[in-house]
Amino acid sequence: MKNQPFYNRVFFALQGIGAALRMESSFRMQCLAALIVVILLVCVRPAMIWWALLLLNCGMVLAAELFNTALEHLIDHLHPELHPSIKIVKDCAAGSVLVLSLSAVAIFVAFLIEIVLI
């Protein structure tokens, strides 16, 4: 599958996003949160730095969710039995999503504080 044309690679990526939307409720929830952030940005029209910070965080959280989903599916396929080392891998991947989500929430709270004070 190496050296595919660009449009094929985009199609494969969209298939992955579609699969995550169908199968992962946490990904759907994060997409909804990102949509709410975008709607709020459009309504409030803050400085561009807020657009950059909030959209970057949304993108990172969604990307982390996709990596976590891919890793979990790969691990479950290759080694469906429970194993302590596999549990650590899955927990660490989920932890990375949590860390990015908490970072995104902190930046969103800072944004809300600024728009309320202005």
C-alpha atoms as a PDB file:
ATOM      1  CA  MET A   1       0.000   0.000   0.000  1.00  0.00           C
ATOM      2  CA  LYS A   2       3.033   2.318  -0.103  1.00  0.00           C
ATOM      3  CA  ASN A   3       3.343   5.120  -2.661  1.00  0.00           C
ATOM      4  CA  GLN A   4      -0.382   5.421  -3.310  1.00  0.00           C
ATOM      5  CA  PRO A   5      -1.645   8.574  -5.050  1.00  0.00           C
ATOM      6  CA  PHE A   6      -2.611  11.428  -2.758  1.00  0.00           C
ATOM      7  CA  TYR A   7      -6.362  11.050  -3.331  1.00  0.00           C
ATOM      8  CA  ASN A   8      -6.150   7.365  -2.307  1.00  0.00           C
ATOM      9  CA  ARG A   9      -4.353   8.284   0.909  1.00  0.00           C
ATOM     10  CA  VAL A  10      -6.977  10.936   1.690  1.00  0.00           C
ATOM     11  CA  PHE A  11      -9.714   8.374   1.016  1.00  0.00           C
ATOM     12  CA  PHE A  12      -8.057   5.868   3.390  1.00  0.00           C
ATOM     13  CA  ALA A  13      -7.758   8.556   6.068  1.00  0.00           C
ATOM     14  CA  LEU A  14     -11.427   9.484   5.692  1.00  0.00           C
ATOM     15  CA  GLN A  15     -12.350   5.808   5.987  1.00  0.00           C
ATOM     16  CA  GLY A  16     -10.447   5.673   9.274  1.00  0.00           C
ATOM     17  CA  ILE A  17     -12.217   8.741  10.601  1.00  0.00           C
ATOM     18  CA  GLY A  18     -15.559   7.276   9.503  1.00  0.00           C
ATOM     19  CA  ALA A  19     -14.792   3.989  11.251  1.00  0.00           C
ATOM     20  CA  ALA A  20     -13.928   5.840  14.461  1.00  0.00           C
ATOM     21  CA  LEU A  21     -17.158   7.847  14.211  1.00  0.00           C
ATOM     22  CA  ARG A  22     -19.192   4.656  13.806  1.00  0.00           C
ATOM     23  CA  MET A  23     -17.468   2.583  16.479  1.00  0.00           C
ATOM     24  CA  GLU A  24     -16.171   4.930  19.166  1.00  0.00           C
ATOM     25  CA  SER A  25     -18.551   6.939  21.322  1.00  0.00           C
ATOM     26  CA  SER A  26     -15.644   8.862  22.860  1.00  0.00           C
ATOM     27  CA  PHE A  27     -14.569  10.023  19.382  1.00  0.00           C
ATOM     28  CA  ARG A  28     -18.122  11.159  18.621  1.00  0.00           C
ATOM     29  CA  MET A  29     -18.224  13.034  21.936  1.00  0.00           C
ATOM     30  CA  GLN A  30     -14.894  14.731  21.184  1.00  0.00           C
ATOM     31  CA  CYS A  31     -16.165  15.688  17.705  1.00  0.00           C
ATOM     32  CA  LEU A  32     -19.255  17.220  19.283  1.00  0.00           C
ATOM     33  CA  ALA A  33     -17.074  19.184  21.710  1.00  0.00           C
ATOM     34  CA  ALA A  34     -14.929  20.413  18.799  1.00  0.00           C
ATOM     35  CA  LEU A  35     -18.069  21.480  16.914  1.00  0.00           C
ATOM     36  CA  ILE A  36     -19.277  23.435  19.955  1.00  0.00           C
ATOM     37  CA  VAL A  37     -15.877  25.142  20.188  1.00  0.00           C
ATOM     38  CA  VAL A  38     -16.021  26.108  16.500  1.00  0.00           C
ATOM     39  CA  ILE A  39     -19.568  27.461  16.849  1.00  0.00           C
ATOM     40  CA  LEU A  40     -18.533  29.489  19.887  1.00  0.00           C
ATOM     41  CA  LEU A  41     -15.493  30.848  18.044  1.00  0.00           C
ATOM     42  CA  VAL A  42     -17.666  31.891  15.099  1.00  0.00           C
ATOM     43  CA  CYS A  43     -20.178  33.607  17.408  1.00  0.00           C
ATOM     44  CA  VAL A  44     -17.672  35.374  19.678  1.00  0.00           C
ATOM     45  CA  ARG A  45     -15.018  36.160  17.028  1.00  0.00           C
ATOM     46  CA  PRO A  46     -12.069  36.375  19.433  1.00  0.00           C
ATOM     47  CA  ALA A  47      -8.463  37.229  18.589  1.00  0.00           C
ATOM     48  CA  MET A  48      -6.797  34.843  16.162  1.00  0.00           C
ATOM     49  CA  ILE A  49      -4.560  33.448  18.908  1.00  0.00           C
ATOM     50  CA  TRP A  50      -7.653  31.941  20.560  1.00  0.00           C
ATOM     51  CA  TRP A  51      -8.706  30.397  17.263  1.00  0.00           C
ATOM     52  CA  ALA A  52      -5.256  28.874  16.904  1.00  0.00           C
ATOM     53  CA  LEU A  53      -5.039  27.595  20.475  1.00  0.00           C
ATOM     54  CA  LEU A  54      -8.523  26.125  20.616  1.00  0.00           C
ATOM     55  CA  LEU A  55      -8.496  24.564  17.153  1.00  0.00           C
ATOM     56  CA  LEU A  56      -5.019  23.130  17.724  1.00  0.00           C
ATOM     57  CA  ASN A  57      -6.200  21.545  20.954  1.00  0.00           C
ATOM     58  CA  CYS A  58      -9.312  20.141  19.286  1.00  0.00           C
ATOM     59  CA  GLY A  59      -7.190  18.664  16.520  1.00  0.00           C
ATOM     60  CA  MET A  60      -4.732  17.124  18.962  1.00  0.00           C
ATOM     61  CA  VAL A  61      -7.479  15.536  21.053  1.00  0.00           C
ATOM     62  CA  LEU A  62      -9.172  14.085  17.963  1.00  0.00           C
ATOM     63  CA  ALA A  63      -5.847  12.802  16.627  1.00  0.00           C
ATOM     64  CA  ALA A  64      -5.066  11.211  19.989  1.00  0.00           C
ATOM     65  CA  GLU A  65      -8.485   9.521  19.979  1.00  0.00           C
ATOM     66  CA  LEU A  66      -7.774   8.152  16.505  1.00  0.00           C
ATOM     67  CA  PHE A  67      -4.350   6.845  17.570  1.00  0.00           C
ATOM     68  CA  ASN A  68      -5.887   5.278  20.671  1.00  0.00           C
ATOM     69  CA  THR A  69      -8.620   3.610  18.601  1.00  0.00           C
ATOM     70  CA  ALA A  70      -6.112   2.299  16.052  1.00  0.00           C
ATOM     71  CA  LEU A  71      -3.834   0.953  18.768  1.00  0.00           C
ATOM     72  CA  GLU A  72      -6.667  -0.759  20.642  1.00  0.00           C
ATOM     73  CA  HIS A  73      -7.997  -2.431  17.499  1.00  0.00           C
ATOM     74  CA  LEU A  74      -4.548  -3.607  16.481  1.00  0.00           C
ATOM     75  CA  ILE A  75      -3.787  -5.003  19.923  1.00  0.00           C
ATOM     76  CA  ASP A  76      -7.183  -6.711  20.195  1.00  0.00           C
ATOM     77  CA  HIS A  77      -6.651  -8.310  16.788  1.00  0.00           C
ATOM     78  CA  LEU A  78      -3.104  -9.506  17.440  1.00  0.00           C
ATOM     79  CA  HIS A  79      -3.544 -10.552  21.067  1.00  0.00           C
ATOM     80  CA  PRO A  80      -7.219 -10.860  22.098  1.00  0.00           C
ATOM     81  CA  GLU A  81      -6.376 -12.434  25.464  1.00  0.00           C
ATOM     82  CA  LEU A  82      -5.846 -10.318  28.558  1.00  0.00           C
ATOM     83  CA  HIS A  83      -2.212  -9.619  29.358  1.00  0.00           C
ATOM     84  CA  PRO A  84      -0.710  -7.230  31.946  1.00  0.00           C
ATOM     85  CA  SER A  85       1.664  -5.606  29.442  1.00  0.00           C
ATOM     86  CA  ILE A  86      -1.130  -5.033  26.931  1.00  0.00           C
ATOM     87  CA  LYS A  87      -3.241  -3.460  29.662  1.00  0.00           C
ATOM     88  CA  ILE A  88      -0.425  -0.995  30.324  1.00  0.00           C
ATOM     89  CA  VAL A  89      -0.193  -0.089  26.629  1.00  0.00           C
ATOM     90  CA  LYS A  90      -3.946   0.483  26.376  1.00  0.00           C
ATOM     91  CA  ASP A  91      -4.061   2.438  29.632  1.00  0.00           C
ATOM     92  CA  CYS A  92      -1.166   4.665  28.562  1.00  0.00           C
ATOM     93  CA  ALA A  93      -2.832   5.380  25.211  1.00  0.00           C
ATOM     94  CA  ALA A  94      -6.079   6.267  26.988  1.00  0.00           C
ATOM     95  CA  GLY A  95      -4.073   8.383  29.423  1.00  0.00           C
ATOM     96  CA  SER A  96      -2.604  10.395  26.570  1.00  0.00           C
ATOM     97  CA  VAL A  97      -6.114  11.228  25.372  1.00  0.00           C
ATOM     98  CA  LEU A  98      -7.053  12.250  28.911  1.00  0.00           C
ATOM     99  CA  VAL A  99      -3.995  14.508  29.293  1.00  0.00           C
ATOM    100  CA  LEU A 100      -4.722  16.268  25.997  1.00  0.00           C
ATOM    101  CA  SER A 101      -8.417  16.564  26.863  1.00  0.00           C
ATOM    102  CA  LEU A 102      -7.622  18.155  30.224  1.00  0.00           C
ATOM    103  CA  SER A 103      -5.229  20.553  28.508  1.00  0.00           C
ATOM    104  CA  ALA A 104      -7.952  21.475  26.027  1.00  0.00           C
ATOM    105  CA  VAL A 105     -10.440  22.063  28.833  1.00  0.00           C
ATOM    106  CA  ALA A 106      -7.946  24.280  30.687  1.00  0.00           C
ATOM    107  CA  ILE A 107      -7.357  26.413  27.587  1.00  0.00           C
ATOM    108  CA  PHE A 108     -11.104  26.583  26.934  1.00  0.00           C
ATOM    109  CA  VAL A 109     -11.711  27.750  30.520  1.00  0.00           C
ATOM    110  CA  ALA A 110      -9.026  30.435  30.078  1.00  0.00           C
ATOM    111  CA  PHE A 111     -10.798  31.499  26.879  1.00  0.00           C
ATOM    112  CA  LEU A 112     -14.164  31.679  28.671  1.00  0.00           C
ATOM    113  CA  ILE A 113     -12.658  33.717  31.492  1.00  0.00           C
ATOM    114  CA  GLU A 114     -11.184  36.177  29.006  1.00  0.00           C
ATOM    115  CA  ILE A 115     -14.408  36.642  27.027  1.00  0.00           C
ATOM    116  CA  VAL A 116     -16.413  37.145  30.230  1.00  0.00           C
ATOM    117  CA  LEU A 117     -13.956  39.726  31.566  1.00  0.00           C
ATOM    118  CA  ILE A 118     -13.789  41.712  28.321  1.00  0.00           C
END
